[in-house]
Amino acid sequence: NLGLGEGAPLIGSPFAWPHSKMPNELFASMAGMVFVKANGASFTSTTYPKLAVLYPGLKLPDLRGEFIRGWDDGRGIDSSRSLLSSQDDMFKSHNHRFINEYGTPTDKIIAYTDENNENAEANNVNGLRAWTYIFMENTGGNETRPRNIAFNYILRAA
């Protein structure tokens, strides 16, 4: 018996939940089920034997502030991953090119400035001089993230 009566979620499968109370606290039909937050807490196989089959390390995934990503499973998009592994954030490698005085991108610029002067004198390899302003300031926040809406990630434990 998988306990799928009345659309009940599978044991161990995290899902987004839009309320601070657990489903069994809101719906009488789910009163016999146990739900827990996906908050990294440890548990025992005695208390939740079916959950222990899915999480043999006896620790819930900690999904607070995290996004779930589908496992690659041989597709080749993210092939170094294993199931239930986590990743740190990363930016794709990119460049910010300097546009010279003629408006064409160039890689042959030597630019310098000091902390009191925003002017940068630039010389290209051919010896032509150009004066310009270069502004390389940080923008944005302290993380990279897509737009999102906050939900609790919970899972059925029993």
N, C-alpha and C. Protein backbone atom coordinates (compact mmCIF):
# COMPACT_ATOMS: atom_id res chain seq x y z
N ASN A 1 0.84 -1.19 0.00
CA ASN A 1 0.00 0.00 0.00
C ASN A 1 0.88 1.24 0.00
N LEU A 2 0.76 2.06 -1.01
CA LEU A 2 1.57 3.27 -1.12
C LEU A 2 0.96 4.46 -0.40
N GLY A 3 -0.23 4.33 0.13
CA GLY A 3 -0.85 5.44 0.86
C GLY A 3 -1.21 6.60 -0.03
N LEU A 4 -1.76 6.31 -1.20
CA LEU A 4 -2.08 7.37 -2.16
C LEU A 4 -3.53 7.81 -2.09
N GLY A 5 -4.23 7.45 -1.04
CA GLY A 5 -5.63 7.84 -0.91
C GLY A 5 -5.79 9.35 -0.94
N GLU A 6 -6.82 9.82 -1.61
CA GLU A 6 -7.18 11.23 -1.69
C GLU A 6 -6.04 12.12 -2.20
N GLY A 7 -5.22 11.59 -3.08
CA GLY A 7 -4.16 12.40 -3.66
C GLY A 7 -3.00 12.67 -2.73
N ALA A 8 -2.82 11.85 -1.71
CA ALA A 8 -1.73 12.06 -0.75
C ALA A 8 -0.38 11.93 -1.46
N PRO A 9 0.58 12.75 -1.10
CA PRO A 9 1.91 12.67 -1.72
C PRO A 9 2.65 11.40 -1.30
N LEU A 10 3.54 10.96 -2.17
CA LEU A 10 4.38 9.80 -1.86
C LEU A 10 5.29 10.12 -0.69
N ILE A 11 5.58 9.14 0.12
CA ILE A 11 6.53 9.31 1.22
C ILE A 11 7.89 9.67 0.63
N GLY A 12 8.52 10.71 1.17
CA GLY A 12 9.87 11.10 0.80
C GLY A 12 10.00 12.05 -0.37
N SER A 13 8.93 12.31 -1.09
CA SER A 13 9.01 13.19 -2.25
C SER A 13 8.77 14.64 -1.84
N PRO A 14 9.79 15.51 -1.92
CA PRO A 14 9.59 16.91 -1.52
C PRO A 14 8.58 17.60 -2.44
N PHE A 15 7.79 18.47 -1.85
CA PHE A 15 6.87 19.26 -2.66
C PHE A 15 6.70 20.64 -2.04
N ALA A 16 6.37 21.60 -2.89
CA ALA A 16 6.17 22.98 -2.44
C ALA A 16 4.82 23.06 -1.74
N TRP A 17 4.82 23.70 -0.57
CA TRP A 17 3.60 23.80 0.25
C TRP A 17 3.38 25.27 0.61
N PRO A 18 2.18 25.83 0.33
CA PRO A 18 1.95 27.26 0.49
C PRO A 18 1.45 27.69 1.86
N HIS A 19 1.65 26.90 2.88
CA HIS A 19 1.10 27.24 4.19
C HIS A 19 2.13 26.94 5.27
N SER A 20 2.03 27.63 6.40
CA SER A 20 2.95 27.38 7.52
C SER A 20 2.55 26.13 8.31
N LYS A 21 1.28 25.73 8.24
CA LYS A 21 0.83 24.50 8.90
C LYS A 21 0.96 23.34 7.93
N MET A 22 1.18 22.15 8.49
CA MET A 22 1.31 20.95 7.68
C MET A 22 -0.08 20.49 7.19
N PRO A 23 -0.11 19.72 6.08
CA PRO A 23 -1.39 19.26 5.54
C PRO A 23 -2.25 18.51 6.56
N ASN A 24 -1.62 17.68 7.40
CA ASN A 24 -2.39 16.92 8.38
C ASN A 24 -2.97 17.81 9.48
N GLU A 25 -2.49 19.03 9.59
CA GLU A 25 -3.06 19.98 10.55
C GLU A 25 -4.24 20.75 9.95
N LEU A 26 -4.34 20.73 8.64
CA LEU A 26 -5.40 21.48 7.95
C LEU A 26 -6.54 20.61 7.44
N PHE A 27 -6.22 19.38 7.07
CA PHE A 27 -7.21 18.51 6.43
C PHE A 27 -7.40 17.24 7.23
N ALA A 28 -8.63 16.99 7.66
CA ALA A 28 -8.94 15.81 8.47
C ALA A 28 -8.59 14.52 7.74
N SER A 29 -8.73 14.50 6.42
CA SER A 29 -8.44 13.29 5.65
C SER A 29 -6.96 12.91 5.69
N MET A 30 -6.10 13.82 6.12
CA MET A 30 -4.66 13.55 6.18
C MET A 30 -4.17 13.44 7.62
N ALA A 31 -5.09 13.33 8.55
CA ALA A 31 -4.74 13.32 9.98
C ALA A 31 -3.81 12.18 10.36
N GLY A 32 -3.87 11.07 9.69
CA GLY A 32 -3.01 9.93 10.02
C GLY A 32 -1.65 9.97 9.36
N MET A 33 -1.37 11.00 8.60
CA MET A 33 -0.09 11.12 7.90
C MET A 33 0.83 12.06 8.67
N VAL A 34 2.11 11.88 8.47
CA VAL A 34 3.10 12.74 9.11
C VAL A 34 3.87 13.48 8.03
N PHE A 35 3.94 14.80 8.16
CA PHE A 35 4.68 15.64 7.22
C PHE A 35 5.78 16.37 7.98
N VAL A 36 6.92 16.56 7.32
CA VAL A 36 8.05 17.27 7.94
C VAL A 36 8.60 18.28 6.94
N LYS A 37 9.23 19.31 7.45
CA LYS A 37 9.91 20.28 6.59
C LYS A 37 11.20 19.68 6.05
N ALA A 38 11.53 20.02 4.83
CA ALA A 38 12.80 19.60 4.24
C ALA A 38 13.87 20.58 4.73
N ASN A 39 14.31 20.37 5.96
CA ASN A 39 15.19 21.34 6.63
C ASN A 39 16.53 20.76 7.07
N GLY A 40 16.89 19.59 6.56
CA GLY A 40 18.18 19.00 6.89
C GLY A 40 18.22 18.26 8.21
N ALA A 41 17.07 18.08 8.85
CA ALA A 41 17.04 17.41 10.15
C ALA A 41 17.35 15.92 10.02
N SER A 42 17.95 15.37 11.06
CA SER A 42 18.20 13.94 11.14
C SER A 42 16.95 13.23 11.64
N PHE A 43 16.83 11.96 11.31
CA PHE A 43 15.71 11.14 11.79
C PHE A 43 16.21 9.72 11.99
N THR A 44 15.42 8.88 12.60
CA THR A 44 15.81 7.48 12.82
C THR A 44 15.01 6.56 11.91
N SER A 45 15.62 5.45 11.57
CA SER A 45 14.93 4.45 10.74
C SER A 45 13.83 3.76 11.53
N THR A 46 13.91 3.81 12.84
CA THR A 46 12.85 3.24 13.68
C THR A 46 11.60 4.10 13.59
N THR A 47 11.77 5.41 13.64
CA THR A 47 10.64 6.33 13.58
C THR A 47 10.03 6.38 12.18
N TYR A 48 10.87 6.46 11.16
CA TYR A 48 10.40 6.59 9.77
C TYR A 48 11.11 5.57 8.87
N PRO A 49 10.72 4.28 8.95
CA PRO A 49 11.42 3.24 8.19
C PRO A 49 11.32 3.42 6.66
N LYS A 50 10.18 3.86 6.16
CA LYS A 50 10.04 4.04 4.71
C LYS A 50 10.88 5.23 4.23
N LEU A 51 10.94 6.26 5.03
CA LEU A 51 11.76 7.42 4.69
C LEU A 51 13.25 7.04 4.67
N ALA A 52 13.64 6.14 5.56
CA ALA A 52 15.03 5.69 5.64
C ALA A 52 15.47 4.93 4.39
N VAL A 53 14.52 4.29 3.72
CA VAL A 53 14.85 3.60 2.47
C VAL A 53 15.25 4.63 1.41
N LEU A 54 14.59 5.76 1.40
CA LEU A 54 14.85 6.81 0.40
C LEU A 54 16.03 7.70 0.77
N TYR A 55 16.23 7.91 2.05
CA TYR A 55 17.33 8.74 2.55
C TYR A 55 18.15 7.90 3.53
N PRO A 56 18.98 6.98 3.01
CA PRO A 56 19.71 6.06 3.89
C PRO A 56 20.71 6.73 4.82
N GLY A 57 21.06 7.98 4.55
CA GLY A 57 21.93 8.73 5.45
C GLY A 57 21.19 9.24 6.67
N LEU A 58 19.89 8.96 6.73
CA LEU A 58 19.01 9.35 7.85
C LEU A 58 19.02 10.86 8.10
N LYS A 59 19.07 11.60 7.02
CA LYS A 59 19.03 13.06 7.10
C LYS A 59 18.15 13.58 5.97
N LEU A 60 17.22 14.47 6.30
CA LEU A 60 16.35 15.07 5.29
C LEU A 60 17.15 16.03 4.43
N PRO A 61 16.75 16.22 3.17
CA PRO A 61 17.40 17.27 2.38
C PRO A 61 17.06 18.63 2.98
N ASP A 62 18.00 19.55 2.92
CA ASP A 62 17.75 20.91 3.42
C ASP A 62 17.46 21.79 2.21
N LEU A 63 16.19 22.04 1.96
CA LEU A 63 15.78 22.80 0.79
C LEU A 63 15.40 24.24 1.11
N ARG A 64 15.71 24.68 2.32
CA ARG A 64 15.41 26.07 2.69
C ARG A 64 16.28 27.00 1.85
N GLY A 65 15.62 27.87 1.09
CA GLY A 65 16.34 28.83 0.25
C GLY A 65 17.00 28.22 -0.97
N GLU A 66 16.65 27.00 -1.33
CA GLU A 66 17.28 26.30 -2.45
C GLU A 66 16.29 26.07 -3.58
N PHE A 67 16.82 25.83 -4.78
CA PHE A 67 16.03 25.42 -5.93
C PHE A 67 16.33 23.96 -6.20
N ILE A 68 15.33 23.20 -6.58
CA ILE A 68 15.54 21.81 -6.97
C ILE A 68 15.86 21.78 -8.46
N ARG A 69 16.87 20.99 -8.83
CA ARG A 69 17.24 20.83 -10.24
C ARG A 69 17.06 19.36 -10.61
N GLY A 70 16.44 19.12 -11.75
CA GLY A 70 16.27 17.75 -12.21
C GLY A 70 17.62 17.07 -12.43
N TRP A 71 17.72 15.82 -12.01
CA TRP A 71 18.96 15.04 -12.14
C TRP A 71 19.24 14.76 -13.61
N ASP A 72 20.48 14.88 -14.04
CA ASP A 72 20.91 14.66 -15.42
C ASP A 72 20.61 13.24 -15.89
N ASP A 73 20.91 12.24 -15.08
CA ASP A 73 20.62 10.83 -15.37
C ASP A 73 21.04 10.40 -16.77
N GLY A 74 22.26 10.80 -17.18
CA GLY A 74 22.81 10.37 -18.45
C GLY A 74 22.54 11.28 -19.64
N ARG A 75 21.85 12.38 -19.45
CA ARG A 75 21.53 13.28 -20.56
C ARG A 75 22.76 14.02 -21.08
N GLY A 76 23.71 14.37 -20.19
CA GLY A 76 24.93 15.05 -20.60
C GLY A 76 24.93 16.55 -20.35
N ILE A 77 23.89 17.09 -19.73
CA ILE A 77 23.83 18.52 -19.41
C ILE A 77 24.66 18.83 -18.17
N ASP A 78 24.58 17.95 -17.20
CA ASP A 78 25.24 18.14 -15.89
C ASP A 78 25.73 16.77 -15.43
N SER A 79 26.59 16.15 -16.24
CA SER A 79 26.91 14.73 -16.10
C SER A 79 27.72 14.35 -14.87
N SER A 80 28.35 15.29 -14.21
CA SER A 80 29.19 14.94 -13.06
C SER A 80 28.39 14.78 -11.77
N ARG A 81 27.09 14.97 -11.82
CA ARG A 81 26.25 14.94 -10.62
C ARG A 81 25.78 13.54 -10.29
N SER A 82 25.59 13.30 -9.01
CA SER A 82 24.92 12.09 -8.55
C SER A 82 23.59 12.49 -7.93
N LEU A 83 22.69 11.56 -7.85
CA LEU A 83 21.37 11.81 -7.28
C LEU A 83 21.49 12.30 -5.85
N LEU A 84 20.75 13.31 -5.48
CA LEU A 84 20.72 13.96 -4.17
C LEU A 84 21.97 14.78 -3.85
N SER A 85 22.84 15.01 -4.84
CA SER A 85 24.02 15.86 -4.58
C SER A 85 23.63 17.33 -4.67
N SER A 86 24.46 18.19 -4.10
CA SER A 86 24.21 19.63 -4.15
C SER A 86 25.32 20.31 -4.93
N GLN A 87 25.07 21.54 -5.38
CA GLN A 87 26.06 22.33 -6.10
C GLN A 87 26.11 23.73 -5.51
N ASP A 88 27.30 24.33 -5.54
CA ASP A 88 27.43 25.73 -5.18
C ASP A 88 27.01 26.58 -6.38
N ASP A 89 26.81 27.86 -6.15
CA ASP A 89 26.46 28.74 -7.25
C ASP A 89 27.65 28.93 -8.18
N MET A 90 27.36 29.32 -9.43
CA MET A 90 28.42 29.50 -10.42
C MET A 90 27.92 30.44 -11.51
N PHE A 91 28.84 31.24 -12.04
CA PHE A 91 28.56 32.08 -13.21
C PHE A 91 29.21 31.44 -14.42
N LYS A 92 28.57 31.49 -15.56
CA LYS A 92 29.20 31.05 -16.79
C LYS A 92 30.30 32.05 -17.12
N SER A 93 31.45 31.56 -17.56
CA SER A 93 32.57 32.42 -17.90
C SER A 93 32.17 33.40 -19.00
N HIS A 94 32.56 34.67 -18.82
CA HIS A 94 32.23 35.69 -19.80
C HIS A 94 33.24 36.82 -19.72
N ASN A 95 33.23 37.71 -20.71
CA ASN A 95 34.16 38.83 -20.78
C ASN A 95 33.39 40.15 -20.85
N HIS A 96 34.07 41.21 -20.47
CA HIS A 96 33.57 42.57 -20.65
C HIS A 96 34.61 43.27 -21.52
N ARG A 97 34.29 43.49 -22.77
CA ARG A 97 35.26 44.06 -23.70
C ARG A 97 35.25 45.58 -23.65
N PHE A 98 36.38 46.16 -23.93
CA PHE A 98 36.55 47.60 -23.99
C PHE A 98 36.32 48.05 -25.43
N ILE A 99 35.55 49.09 -25.62
CA ILE A 99 35.33 49.66 -26.95
C ILE A 99 36.27 50.84 -27.12
N ASN A 100 37.09 50.83 -28.18
CA ASN A 100 38.07 51.90 -28.36
C ASN A 100 37.41 53.17 -28.92
N GLU A 101 38.22 54.20 -29.16
CA GLU A 101 37.68 55.49 -29.58
C GLU A 101 36.99 55.44 -30.93
N TYR A 102 37.22 54.41 -31.71
CA TYR A 102 36.57 54.29 -33.01
C TYR A 102 35.30 53.44 -32.94
N GLY A 103 34.97 52.97 -31.74
CA GLY A 103 33.75 52.21 -31.55
C GLY A 103 33.85 50.74 -31.89
N THR A 104 35.08 50.24 -32.10
CA THR A 104 35.23 48.83 -32.41
C THR A 104 35.81 48.10 -31.20
N PRO A 105 35.36 46.88 -30.97
CA PRO A 105 35.91 46.13 -29.83
C PRO A 105 37.38 45.83 -30.06
N THR A 106 38.15 45.87 -29.02
CA THR A 106 39.57 45.56 -29.12
C THR A 106 40.04 44.83 -27.88
N ASP A 107 40.97 43.92 -28.09
CA ASP A 107 41.59 43.21 -26.97
C ASP A 107 42.95 43.81 -26.63
N LYS A 108 43.42 44.80 -27.40
CA LYS A 108 44.79 45.30 -27.28
C LYS A 108 44.82 46.65 -26.60
N ILE A 109 44.24 46.74 -25.44
CA ILE A 109 44.19 47.98 -24.68
C ILE A 109 44.91 47.76 -23.35
N ILE A 110 45.74 48.72 -23.01
CA ILE A 110 46.34 48.74 -21.68
C ILE A 110 45.73 49.93 -20.97
N ALA A 111 44.98 49.69 -19.94
CA ALA A 111 44.29 50.78 -19.23
C ALA A 111 44.77 50.83 -17.80
N TYR A 112 44.84 52.05 -17.28
CA TYR A 112 45.20 52.18 -15.87
C TYR A 112 44.46 53.36 -15.28
N THR A 113 44.34 53.35 -14.00
CA THR A 113 43.73 54.45 -13.27
C THR A 113 44.19 54.36 -11.83
N ASP A 114 43.84 55.34 -11.04
CA ASP A 114 44.09 55.22 -9.61
C ASP A 114 42.79 55.49 -8.88
N GLU A 115 42.78 55.30 -7.57
CA GLU A 115 41.54 55.39 -6.81
C GLU A 115 40.97 56.81 -6.78
N ASN A 116 41.76 57.83 -7.13
CA ASN A 116 41.28 59.21 -7.10
C ASN A 116 40.89 59.75 -8.47
N ASN A 117 41.09 58.97 -9.51
CA ASN A 117 40.87 59.46 -10.86
C ASN A 117 40.13 58.40 -11.66
N GLU A 118 38.97 58.75 -12.19
CA GLU A 118 38.22 57.80 -12.99
C GLU A 118 38.68 57.77 -14.44
N ASN A 119 39.54 58.71 -14.84
CA ASN A 119 40.06 58.69 -16.20
C ASN A 119 40.97 57.49 -16.37
N ALA A 120 40.95 56.93 -17.55
CA ALA A 120 41.88 55.86 -17.86
C ALA A 120 42.53 56.20 -19.19
N GLU A 121 43.85 56.19 -19.21
CA GLU A 121 44.55 56.43 -20.47
C GLU A 121 44.76 55.07 -21.11
N ALA A 122 44.43 54.97 -22.36
CA ALA A 122 44.53 53.67 -23.03
C ALA A 122 45.44 53.80 -24.25
N ASN A 123 46.34 52.86 -24.41
CA ASN A 123 47.20 52.80 -25.59
C ASN A 123 46.97 51.46 -26.27
N ASN A 124 46.78 51.47 -27.57
CA ASN A 124 46.72 50.19 -28.24
C ASN A 124 48.11 49.85 -28.75
N VAL A 125 48.27 48.69 -29.31
CA VAL A 125 49.59 48.22 -29.71
C VAL A 125 50.21 49.11 -30.78
N ASN A 126 49.41 49.74 -31.62
CA ASN A 126 49.92 50.58 -32.70
C ASN A 126 50.36 51.96 -32.21
N GLY A 127 50.21 52.26 -30.93
CA GLY A 127 50.67 53.52 -30.39
C GLY A 127 49.66 54.65 -30.42
N LEU A 128 48.46 54.43 -30.94
CA LEU A 128 47.45 55.47 -30.92
C LEU A 128 46.93 55.64 -29.50
N ARG A 129 46.67 56.90 -29.12
CA ARG A 129 46.20 57.17 -27.76
C ARG A 129 44.72 57.50 -27.78
N ALA A 130 44.07 57.12 -26.70
CA ALA A 130 42.66 57.46 -26.53
C ALA A 130 42.43 57.72 -25.05
N TRP A 131 41.64 58.74 -24.76
CA TRP A 131 41.23 59.00 -23.38
C TRP A 131 39.77 58.61 -23.27
N THR A 132 39.46 57.95 -22.22
CA THR A 132 38.07 57.52 -22.04
C THR A 132 37.78 57.40 -20.56
N TYR A 133 36.55 57.19 -20.25
CA TYR A 133 36.15 56.87 -18.88
C TYR A 133 35.77 55.40 -18.83
N ILE A 134 36.27 54.72 -17.85
CA ILE A 134 35.92 53.32 -17.66
C ILE A 134 35.26 53.20 -16.29
N PHE A 135 34.08 52.67 -16.27
CA PHE A 135 33.38 52.44 -15.00
C PHE A 135 33.19 50.94 -14.84
N MET A 136 33.88 50.36 -13.91
CA MET A 136 33.75 48.93 -13.61
C MET A 136 33.27 48.82 -12.18
N GLU A 137 32.01 49.06 -11.98
CA GLU A 137 31.45 49.03 -10.63
C GLU A 137 30.56 47.80 -10.48
N ASN A 138 30.44 47.34 -9.26
CA ASN A 138 29.54 46.23 -8.99
C ASN A 138 28.10 46.71 -9.09
N THR A 139 27.26 45.87 -9.63
CA THR A 139 25.83 46.13 -9.63
C THR A 139 25.12 44.91 -9.07
N GLY A 140 23.93 45.08 -8.60
CA GLY A 140 23.14 43.95 -8.16
C GLY A 140 23.33 43.62 -6.70
N GLY A 141 22.88 42.45 -6.33
CA GLY A 141 22.90 42.01 -4.94
C GLY A 141 24.07 41.10 -4.65
N ASN A 142 23.93 40.30 -3.60
CA ASN A 142 25.03 39.43 -3.17
C ASN A 142 24.84 37.99 -3.64
N GLU A 143 23.91 37.75 -4.57
CA GLU A 143 23.71 36.42 -5.12
C GLU A 143 23.09 36.54 -6.51
N THR A 144 23.12 35.45 -7.25
CA THR A 144 22.46 35.38 -8.54
C THR A 144 21.28 34.44 -8.39
N ARG A 145 20.11 34.87 -8.82
CA ARG A 145 18.93 34.02 -8.67
C ARG A 145 17.88 34.44 -9.69
N PRO A 146 17.06 33.50 -10.11
CA PRO A 146 15.93 33.87 -10.95
C PRO A 146 14.81 34.44 -10.09
N ARG A 147 13.86 35.09 -10.71
CA ARG A 147 12.67 35.53 -9.98
C ARG A 147 12.04 34.32 -9.32
N ASN A 148 11.41 34.52 -8.19
CA ASN A 148 10.87 33.36 -7.49
C ASN A 148 9.80 33.76 -6.50
N ILE A 149 9.08 32.77 -6.00
CA ILE A 149 8.08 32.92 -4.95
C ILE A 149 8.42 31.91 -3.87
N ALA A 150 8.38 32.33 -2.62
CA ALA A 150 8.77 31.47 -1.50
C ALA A 150 7.64 30.53 -1.09
N PHE A 151 7.95 29.25 -1.03
CA PHE A 151 7.08 28.20 -0.51
C PHE A 151 7.88 27.41 0.51
N ASN A 152 7.21 26.70 1.38
CA ASN A 152 7.87 25.69 2.21
C ASN A 152 8.07 24.46 1.35
N TYR A 153 9.23 23.83 1.43
CA TYR A 153 9.39 22.49 0.89
C TYR A 153 9.16 21.54 2.04
N ILE A 154 8.20 20.65 1.87
CA ILE A 154 7.92 19.66 2.90
C ILE A 154 7.89 18.29 2.23
N LEU A 155 7.84 17.25 3.04
CA LEU A 155 7.67 15.91 2.50
C LEU A 155 6.90 15.06 3.50
N ARG A 156 6.29 14.06 2.96
CA ARG A 156 5.56 13.12 3.81
C ARG A 156 6.55 12.13 4.37
N ALA A 157 6.55 11.97 5.69
CA ALA A 157 7.49 11.06 6.36
C ALA A 157 6.85 9.72 6.68
N ALA A 158 5.54 9.69 6.90
CA ALA A 158 4.84 8.44 7.24
C ALA A 158 3.37 8.58 6.91
